[in-house]
Amino acid sequence: MTKTPSGFKRLNADIPEELFKEFAKRCIEEGVSKKEFLVQLLEKELFKHSKK
């Protein structure tokens, strides 16, 4: 297992297979890694509410 860099937290979750397939498909379509896609999604969803 790789060491998580300082200032980061490891995300581990069991998700339904169909949801993962859609996630992987969107990563490929947008040309980003799964990590980059998740970071963008979380920032968009979590920080949009704090800007109001």
PDB file of N, CA and C in Angstrom:
ATOM      1  N   MET A   1       0.846  -1.186   0.000  1.00  0.00           N
ATOM      2  CA  MET A   1       0.000   0.000   0.000  1.00  0.00           C
ATOM      3  C   MET A   1       0.888   1.245   0.000  1.00  0.00           C
ATOM      4  N   THR A   2       0.502   2.229  -0.778  1.00  0.00           N
ATOM      5  CA  THR A   2       1.304   3.437  -0.863  1.00  0.00           C
ATOM      6  C   THR A   2       1.039   4.343   0.326  1.00  0.00           C
ATOM      7  N   LYS A   3       2.047   5.111   0.674  1.00  0.00           N
ATOM      8  CA  LYS A   3       1.906   6.054   1.781  1.00  0.00           C
ATOM      9  C   LYS A   3       1.182   7.292   1.284  1.00  0.00           C
ATOM     10  N   THR A   4       0.196   7.723   2.039  1.00  0.00           N
ATOM     11  CA  THR A   4      -0.556   8.920   1.691  1.00  0.00           C
ATOM     12  C   THR A   4       0.288  10.147   2.028  1.00  0.00           C
ATOM     13  N   PRO A   5       0.437  11.090   1.073  1.00  0.00           N
ATOM     14  CA  PRO A   5       1.243  12.286   1.325  1.00  0.00           C
ATOM     15  C   PRO A   5       0.704  13.108   2.506  1.00  0.00           C
ATOM     16  N   SER A   6       1.580  13.819   3.134  1.00  0.00           N
ATOM     17  CA  SER A   6       1.197  14.693   4.239  1.00  0.00           C
ATOM     18  C   SER A   6       0.172  15.709   3.752  1.00  0.00           C
ATOM     19  N   GLY A   7      -0.866  15.933   4.542  1.00  0.00           N
ATOM     20  CA  GLY A   7      -1.908  16.882   4.167  1.00  0.00           C
ATOM     21  C   GLY A   7      -3.027  16.270   3.353  1.00  0.00           C
ATOM     22  N   PHE A   8      -2.962  14.967   3.097  1.00  0.00           N
ATOM     23  CA  PHE A   8      -3.982  14.261   2.329  1.00  0.00           C
ATOM     24  C   PHE A   8      -4.588  13.156   3.178  1.00  0.00           C
ATOM     25  N   LYS A   9      -5.782  12.744   2.831  1.00  0.00           N
ATOM     26  CA  LYS A   9      -6.439  11.611   3.480  1.00  0.00           C
ATOM     27  C   LYS A   9      -6.810  10.606   2.405  1.00  0.00           C
ATOM     28  N   ARG A  10      -6.701   9.330   2.705  1.00  0.00           N
ATOM     29  CA  ARG A  10      -7.051   8.276   1.764  1.00  0.00           C
ATOM     30  C   ARG A  10      -8.562   8.075   1.805  1.00  0.00           C
ATOM     31  N   LEU A  11      -9.163   7.943   0.622  1.00  0.00           N
ATOM     32  CA  LEU A  11     -10.599   7.713   0.495  1.00  0.00           C
ATOM     33  C   LEU A  11     -10.805   6.274   0.055  1.00  0.00           C
ATOM     34  N   ASN A  12     -11.583   5.533   0.829  1.00  0.00           N
ATOM     35  CA  ASN A  12     -11.842   4.142   0.518  1.00  0.00           C
ATOM     36  C   ASN A  12     -13.329   3.890   0.727  1.00  0.00           C
ATOM     37  N   ALA A  13     -14.005   3.409  -0.317  1.00  0.00           N
ATOM     38  CA  ALA A  13     -15.442   3.173  -0.196  1.00  0.00           C
ATOM     39  C   ALA A  13     -15.882   2.051  -1.121  1.00  0.00           C
ATOM     40  N   ASP A  14     -16.871   1.308  -0.687  1.00  0.00           N
ATOM     41  CA  ASP A  14     -17.501   0.303  -1.530  1.00  0.00           C
ATOM     42  C   ASP A  14     -18.692   0.967  -2.201  1.00  0.00           C
ATOM     43  N   ILE A  15     -18.698   0.951  -3.537  1.00  0.00           N
ATOM     44  CA  ILE A  15     -19.803   1.560  -4.266  1.00  0.00           C
ATOM     45  C   ILE A  15     -20.375   0.533  -5.240  1.00  0.00           C
ATOM     46  N   PRO A  16     -21.643   0.692  -5.614  1.00  0.00           N
ATOM     47  CA  PRO A  16     -22.247  -0.257  -6.548  1.00  0.00           C
ATOM     48  C   PRO A  16     -21.491  -0.294  -7.881  1.00  0.00           C
ATOM     49  N   GLU A  17     -21.454  -1.469  -8.501  1.00  0.00           N
ATOM     50  CA  GLU A  17     -20.691  -1.667  -9.736  1.00  0.00           C
ATOM     51  C   GLU A  17     -21.156  -0.739 -10.858  1.00  0.00           C
ATOM     52  N   GLU A  18     -22.448  -0.557 -11.032  1.00  0.00           N
ATOM     53  CA  GLU A  18     -22.957   0.300 -12.097  1.00  0.00           C
ATOM     54  C   GLU A  18     -22.514   1.756 -11.901  1.00  0.00           C
ATOM     55  N   LEU A  19     -22.509   2.214 -10.666  1.00  0.00           N
ATOM     56  CA  LEU A  19     -22.065   3.571 -10.367  1.00  0.00           C
ATOM     57  C   LEU A  19     -20.580   3.715 -10.677  1.00  0.00           C
ATOM     58  N   PHE A  20     -19.781   2.703 -10.336  1.00  0.00           N
ATOM     59  CA  PHE A  20     -18.353   2.751 -10.626  1.00  0.00           C
ATOM     60  C   PHE A  20     -18.104   2.765 -12.127  1.00  0.00           C
ATOM     61  N   LYS A  21     -18.882   1.990 -12.871  1.00  0.00           N
ATOM     62  CA  LYS A  21     -18.717   1.965 -14.330  1.00  0.00           C
ATOM     63  C   LYS A  21     -18.992   3.344 -14.927  1.00  0.00           C
ATOM     64  N   GLU A  22     -20.033   4.011 -14.453  1.00  0.00           N
ATOM     65  CA  GLU A  22     -20.352   5.354 -14.943  1.00  0.00           C
ATOM     66  C   GLU A  22     -19.229   6.327 -14.576  1.00  0.00           C
ATOM     67  N   PHE A  23     -18.713   6.207 -13.379  1.00  0.00           N
ATOM     68  CA  PHE A  23     -17.602   7.030 -12.910  1.00  0.00           C
ATOM     69  C   PHE A  23     -16.379   6.836 -13.810  1.00  0.00           C
ATOM     70  N   ALA A  24     -16.022   5.577 -14.085  1.00  0.00           N
ATOM     71  CA  ALA A  24     -14.869   5.287 -14.928  1.00  0.00           C
ATOM     72  C   ALA A  24     -15.080   5.820 -16.348  1.00  0.00           C
ATOM     73  N   LYS A  25     -16.293   5.670 -16.871  1.00  0.00           N
ATOM     74  CA  LYS A  25     -16.607   6.157 -18.214  1.00  0.00           C
ATOM     75  C   LYS A  25     -16.418   7.671 -18.298  1.00  0.00           C
ATOM     76  N   ARG A  26     -16.894   8.389 -17.291  1.00  0.00           N
ATOM     77  CA  ARG A  26     -16.748   9.854 -17.296  1.00  0.00           C
ATOM     78  C   ARG A  26     -15.294  10.277 -17.169  1.00  0.00           C
ATOM     79  N   CYS A  27     -14.511   9.546 -16.390  1.00  0.00           N
ATOM     80  CA  CYS A  27     -13.084   9.846 -16.275  1.00  0.00           C
ATOM     81  C   CYS A  27     -12.414   9.732 -17.642  1.00  0.00           C
ATOM     82  N   ILE A  28     -12.742   8.677 -18.372  1.00  0.00           N
ATOM     83  CA  ILE A  28     -12.167   8.471 -19.698  1.00  0.00           C
ATOM     84  C   ILE A  28     -12.619   9.571 -20.644  1.00  0.00           C
ATOM     85  N   GLU A  29     -13.917   9.890 -20.628  1.00  0.00           N
ATOM     86  CA  GLU A  29     -14.448  10.924 -21.511  1.00  0.00           C
ATOM     87  C   GLU A  29     -13.792  12.284 -21.271  1.00  0.00           C
ATOM     88  N   GLU A  30     -13.539  12.605 -20.008  1.00  0.00           N
ATOM     89  CA  GLU A  30     -12.950  13.904 -19.670  1.00  0.00           C
ATOM     90  C   GLU A  30     -11.423  13.873 -19.702  1.00  0.00           C
ATOM     91  N   GLY A  31     -10.841  12.683 -19.859  1.00  0.00           N
ATOM     92  CA  GLY A  31      -9.396  12.557 -19.954  1.00  0.00           C
ATOM     93  C   GLY A  31      -8.659  12.878 -18.663  1.00  0.00           C
ATOM     94  N   VAL A  32      -9.279  12.533 -17.531  1.00  0.00           N
ATOM     95  CA  VAL A  32      -8.642  12.784 -16.241  1.00  0.00           C
ATOM     96  C   VAL A  32      -8.543  11.473 -15.458  1.00  0.00           C
ATOM     97  N   SER A  33      -7.648  11.462 -14.485  1.00  0.00           N
ATOM     98  CA  SER A  33      -7.522  10.279 -13.633  1.00  0.00           C
ATOM     99  C   SER A  33      -8.712  10.229 -12.679  1.00  0.00           C
ATOM    100  N   LYS A  34      -8.921   9.070 -12.099  1.00  0.00           N
ATOM    101  CA  LYS A  34     -10.017   8.921 -11.133  1.00  0.00           C
ATOM    102  C   LYS A  34      -9.812   9.877  -9.954  1.00  0.00           C
ATOM    103  N   LYS A  35      -8.569  10.018  -9.530  1.00  0.00           N
ATOM    104  CA  LYS A  35      -8.262  10.916  -8.409  1.00  0.00           C
ATOM    105  C   LYS A  35      -8.619  12.358  -8.770  1.00  0.00           C
ATOM    106  N   GLU A  36      -8.183  12.809  -9.947  1.00  0.00           N
ATOM    107  CA  GLU A  36      -8.482  14.181 -10.374  1.00  0.00           C
ATOM    108  C   GLU A  36      -9.987  14.406 -10.481  1.00  0.00           C
ATOM    109  N   PHE A  37     -10.699  13.429 -11.044  1.00  0.00           N
ATOM    110  CA  PHE A  37     -12.140  13.547 -11.208  1.00  0.00           C
ATOM    111  C   PHE A  37     -12.830  13.669  -9.847  1.00  0.00           C
ATOM    112  N   LEU A  38     -12.432  12.835  -8.891  1.00  0.00           N
ATOM    113  CA  LEU A  38     -13.033  12.879  -7.554  1.00  0.00           C
ATOM    114  C   LEU A  38     -12.749  14.199  -6.849  1.00  0.00           C
ATOM    115  N   VAL A  39     -11.525  14.688  -6.969  1.00  0.00           N
ATOM    116  CA  VAL A  39     -11.174  15.961  -6.340  1.00  0.00           C
ATOM    117  C   VAL A  39     -12.028  17.082  -6.925  1.00  0.00           C
ATOM    118  N   GLN A  40     -12.165  17.121  -8.254  1.00  0.00           N
ATOM    119  CA  GLN A  40     -12.984  18.145  -8.905  1.00  0.00           C
ATOM    120  C   GLN A  40     -14.438  18.046  -8.462  1.00  0.00           C
ATOM    121  N   LEU A  41     -14.972  16.828  -8.419  1.00  0.00           N
ATOM    122  CA  LEU A  41     -16.363  16.619  -8.022  1.00  0.00           C
ATOM    123  C   LEU A  41     -16.601  17.035  -6.572  1.00  0.00           C
ATOM    124  N   LEU A  42     -15.708  16.628  -5.693  1.00  0.00           N
ATOM    125  CA  LEU A  42     -15.865  16.974  -4.279  1.00  0.00           C
ATOM    126  C   LEU A  42     -15.744  18.480  -4.058  1.00  0.00           C
ATOM    127  N   GLU A  43     -14.774  19.107  -4.722  1.00  0.00           N
ATOM    128  CA  GLU A  43     -14.635  20.560  -4.583  1.00  0.00           C
ATOM    129  C   GLU A  43     -15.891  21.277  -5.070  1.00  0.00           C
ATOM    130  N   LYS A  44     -16.403  20.849  -6.206  1.00  0.00           N
ATOM    131  CA  LYS A  44     -17.596  21.475  -6.777  1.00  0.00           C
ATOM    132  C   LYS A  44     -18.792  21.297  -5.842  1.00  0.00           C
ATOM    133  N   GLU A  45     -18.995  20.092  -5.353  1.00  0.00           N
ATOM    134  CA  GLU A  45     -20.156  19.809  -4.517  1.00  0.00           C
ATOM    135  C   GLU A  45     -20.032  20.384  -3.108  1.00  0.00           C
ATOM    136  N   LEU A  46     -18.858  20.337  -2.539  1.00  0.00           N
ATOM    137  CA  LEU A  46     -18.695  20.788  -1.154  1.00  0.00           C
ATOM    138  C   LEU A  46     -18.522  22.295  -1.031  1.00  0.00           C
ATOM    139  N   PHE A  47     -17.835  22.895  -1.977  1.00  0.00           N
ATOM    140  CA  PHE A  47     -17.532  24.305  -1.858  1.00  0.00           C
ATOM    141  C   PHE A  47     -18.579  25.209  -2.496  1.00  0.00           C
ATOM    142  N   LYS A  48     -19.451  24.664  -3.352  1.00  0.00           N
ATOM    143  CA  LYS A  48     -20.492  25.508  -3.949  1.00  0.00           C
ATOM    144  C   LYS A  48     -21.457  25.994  -2.880  1.00  0.00           C
ATOM    145  N   HIS A  49     -21.684  25.191  -1.847  1.00  0.00           N
ATOM    146  CA  HIS A  49     -22.608  25.573  -0.786  1.00  0.00           C
ATOM    147  C   HIS A  49     -22.005  26.627   0.135  1.00  0.00           C
ATOM    148  N   SER A  50     -20.683  26.588   0.303  1.00  0.00           N
ATOM    149  CA  SER A  50     -20.036  27.546   1.210  1.00  0.00           C
ATOM    150  C   SER A  50     -19.904  28.924   0.598  1.00  0.00           C
ATOM    151  N   LYS A  51     -20.048  29.041  -0.740  1.00  0.00           N
ATOM    152  CA  LYS A  51     -19.915  30.330  -1.408  1.00  0.00           C
ATOM    153  C   LYS A  51     -21.204  31.148  -1.364  1.00  0.00           C
ATOM    154  N   LYS A  52     -22.301  30.516  -0.961  1.00  0.00           N
ATOM    155  CA  LYS A  52     -23.595  31.211  -0.940  1.00  0.00           C
ATOM    156  C   LYS A  52     -23.709  32.135   0.246  1.00  0.00           C
TER     157      LYS A  52
END
